[in-house]
C-alpha atoms as a PDB file:
ATOM      1  CA  MET A   1       0.609   4.507  23.668  1.00  0.00           C
ATOM      2  CA  ALA A   2      -0.672   1.771  21.984  1.00  0.00           C
ATOM      3  CA  LEU A   3      -2.774   3.937  18.694  1.00  0.00           C
ATOM      4  CA  TYR A   4       0.678   5.315  18.233  1.00  0.00           C
ATOM      5  CA  PHE A   5       2.368   2.530  17.086  1.00  0.00           C
ATOM      6  CA  ARG A   6      -0.102   1.592  15.152  1.00  0.00           C
ATOM      7  CA  HIS A   7      -0.267   4.020  13.297  1.00  0.00           C
ATOM      8  CA  ILE A   8       4.340   4.240  12.952  1.00  0.00           C
ATOM      9  CA  THR A   9       3.150   0.327  11.809  1.00  0.00           C
ATOM     10  CA  HIS A  10       1.041   1.619   9.382  1.00  0.00           C
ATOM     11  CA  LEU A  11       3.446   4.424   8.226  1.00  0.00           C
ATOM     12  CA  LEU A  12       6.221   1.906   7.976  1.00  0.00           C
ATOM     13  CA  VAL A  13       4.242  -0.863   6.349  1.00  0.00           C
ATOM     14  CA  ALA A  14       3.278   2.121   3.203  1.00  0.00           C
ATOM     15  CA  THR A  15       6.315   2.926   3.296  1.00  0.00           C
ATOM     16  CA  CYS A  16       7.461   0.189   1.932  1.00  0.00           C
ATOM     17  CA  LEU A  17       4.857  -0.372  -1.060  1.00  0.00           C
ATOM     18  CA  VAL A  18       6.031   3.179  -2.606  1.00  0.00           C
ATOM     19  CA  ALA A  19       9.174   2.451  -2.549  1.00  0.00           C
ATOM     20  CA  THR A  20       8.338  -0.983  -3.805  1.00  0.00           C
ATOM     21  CA  TRP A  21       6.030   0.082  -6.048  1.00  0.00           C
ATOM     22  CA  SER A  22       9.084   2.903  -7.001  1.00  0.00           C
ATOM     23  CA  VAL A  23      11.709   0.412  -7.915  1.00  0.00           C
ATOM     24  CA  VAL A  24       8.749  -1.239 -10.566  1.00  0.00           C
ATOM     25  CA  VAL A  25       8.027   2.357 -12.040  1.00  0.00           C
ATOM     26  CA  ILE A  26      11.556   2.585 -13.188  1.00  0.00           C
ATOM     27  CA  ALA A  27      11.079  -0.431 -15.618  1.00  0.00           C
ATOM     28  CA  GLN A  28       8.925   0.930 -17.035  1.00  0.00           C
ATOM     29  CA  SER A  29       9.090   4.312 -19.060  1.00  0.00           C
ATOM     30  CA  ALA A  30       6.641   6.632 -18.902  1.00  0.00           C
ATOM     31  CA  GLU A  31       5.808   6.549 -22.357  1.00  0.00           C
ATOM     32  CA  GLN A  32       5.046   3.266 -22.054  1.00  0.00           C
ATOM     33  CA  LEU A  33       2.602   3.666 -19.546  1.00  0.00           C
ATOM     34  CA  ARG A  34       0.655   7.200 -20.104  1.00  0.00           C
ATOM     35  CA  PRO A  35      -1.232   4.896 -23.312  1.00  0.00           C
ATOM     36  CA  ARG A  36      -2.663   2.719 -20.935  1.00  0.00           C
ATOM     37  CA  ALA A  37      -3.443   5.309 -18.029  1.00  0.00           C
ATOM     38  CA  GLU A  38      -5.603   7.093 -20.622  1.00  0.00           C
ATOM     39  CA  ALA A  39      -7.379   3.980 -20.984  1.00  0.00           C
ATOM     40  CA  GLY A  40      -8.844   3.761 -17.848  1.00  0.00           C
ATOM     41  CA  ASP A  41      -5.495   1.345 -16.311  1.00  0.00           C
ATOM     42  CA  ALA A  42      -5.649   2.951 -12.411  1.00  0.00           C
ATOM     43  CA  GLU A  43      -1.990   0.730 -11.526  1.00  0.00           C
ATOM     44  CA  ALA A  44      -1.272   2.681 -14.391  1.00  0.00           C
ATOM     45  CA  LYS A  45      -2.174   5.862 -13.605  1.00  0.00           C
ATOM     46  CA  PHE A  46      -1.103   5.584 -10.370  1.00  0.00           C
ATOM     47  CA  ARG A  47       2.743   4.556 -11.155  1.00  0.00           C
ATOM     48  CA  LEU A  48       2.833   7.934 -13.437  1.00  0.00           C
ATOM     49  CA  GLY A  49       2.376   9.666 -10.226  1.00  0.00           C
ATOM     50  CA  VAL A  50       5.284   8.666  -8.507  1.00  0.00           C
ATOM     51  CA  MET A  51       6.870   8.715 -11.280  1.00  0.00           C
ATOM     52  CA  TYR A  52       5.656  12.646 -11.214  1.00  0.00           C
ATOM     53  CA  ALA A  53       6.287  12.850  -7.642  1.00  0.00           C
ATOM     54  CA  ASN A  54      10.280  11.652  -8.054  1.00  0.00           C
ATOM     55  CA  GLY A  55      10.883  13.180 -11.014  1.00  0.00           C
ATOM     56  CA  ARG A  56      12.218   9.754 -12.805  1.00  0.00           C
ATOM     57  CA  ASP A  57      11.658   9.117 -16.759  1.00  0.00           C
ATOM     58  CA  VAL A  58       9.424  13.033 -16.708  1.00  0.00           C
ATOM     59  CA  PRO A  59      10.516  16.395 -13.965  1.00  0.00           C
ATOM     60  CA  ARG A  60       9.164  16.775 -10.731  1.00  0.00           C
ATOM     61  CA  ASN A  61       6.029  17.882 -10.234  1.00  0.00           C
ATOM     62  CA  ARG A  62       3.817  17.639  -7.360  1.00  0.00           C
ATOM     63  CA  GLY A  63       0.182  18.684  -9.353  1.00  0.00           C
ATOM     64  CA  GLU A  64       0.732  16.379 -12.108  1.00  0.00           C
ATOM     65  CA  ALA A  65       1.395  13.559  -9.712  1.00  0.00           C
ATOM     66  CA  VAL A  66      -1.272  14.438  -6.737  1.00  0.00           C
ATOM     67  CA  ARG A  67      -3.476  14.693 -10.561  1.00  0.00           C
ATOM     68  CA  TRP A  68      -2.058  11.539 -11.310  1.00  0.00           C
ATOM     69  CA  TYR A  69      -2.909  10.022  -8.202  1.00  0.00           C
ATOM     70  CA  ARG A  70      -6.004  11.543  -7.635  1.00  0.00           C
ATOM     71  CA  LEU A  71      -7.276   9.514 -11.358  1.00  0.00           C
ATOM     72  CA  ALA A  72      -6.183   6.202  -9.465  1.00  0.00           C
ATOM     73  CA  ALA A  73      -7.784   6.355  -6.518  1.00  0.00           C
ATOM     74  CA  ASP A  74     -11.245   7.264  -7.866  1.00  0.00           C
ATOM     75  CA  GLN A  75     -11.143   3.643  -8.942  1.00  0.00           C
ATOM     76  CA  GLY A  76     -10.554   2.724  -5.634  1.00  0.00           C
ATOM     77  CA  LEU A  77      -6.861   1.380  -6.527  1.00  0.00           C
ATOM     78  CA  ALA A  78      -5.592   2.179  -2.243  1.00  0.00           C
ATOM     79  CA  GLU A  79      -1.560   2.618  -2.977  1.00  0.00           C
ATOM     80  CA  ALA A  80      -3.186   5.919  -4.584  1.00  0.00           C
ATOM     81  CA  GLN A  81      -5.679   6.634  -1.853  1.00  0.00           C
ATOM     82  CA  TYR A  82      -2.399   6.855   0.415  1.00  0.00           C
ATOM     83  CA  SER A  83      -0.145   8.463  -1.897  1.00  0.00           C
ATOM     84  CA  LEU A  84      -2.970  11.682  -2.566  1.00  0.00           C
ATOM     85  CA  LEU A  85      -3.092  11.434   1.689  1.00  0.00           C
ATOM     86  CA  THR A  86       0.892  11.820   1.488  1.00  0.00           C
ATOM     87  CA  GLU A  87       0.990  14.073  -1.013  1.00  0.00           C
ATOM     88  CA  SER A  88      -1.617  17.321  -0.222  1.00  0.00           C
ATOM     89  CA  ARG A  89       0.329  17.402   3.226  1.00  0.00           C
END
């Protein structure tokens, strides 16, 4: 039972993080983020992934979202690693 509650707590925290990032992503366009992401900025890669996952400023595209999440996750960004796990299901 304790493991169940710990899992639920982690899920809620992660959901809050993703929701927070979604609000931040709205403030910047994909056009602004793409050069930073292509230059290696893990946070910009993650934000592009969120944009593709939600269809914000770009067409919704799960494959592109997973691609950007994977690139950011490979650089060690925890939010991207979590998002990659949840999108891959």
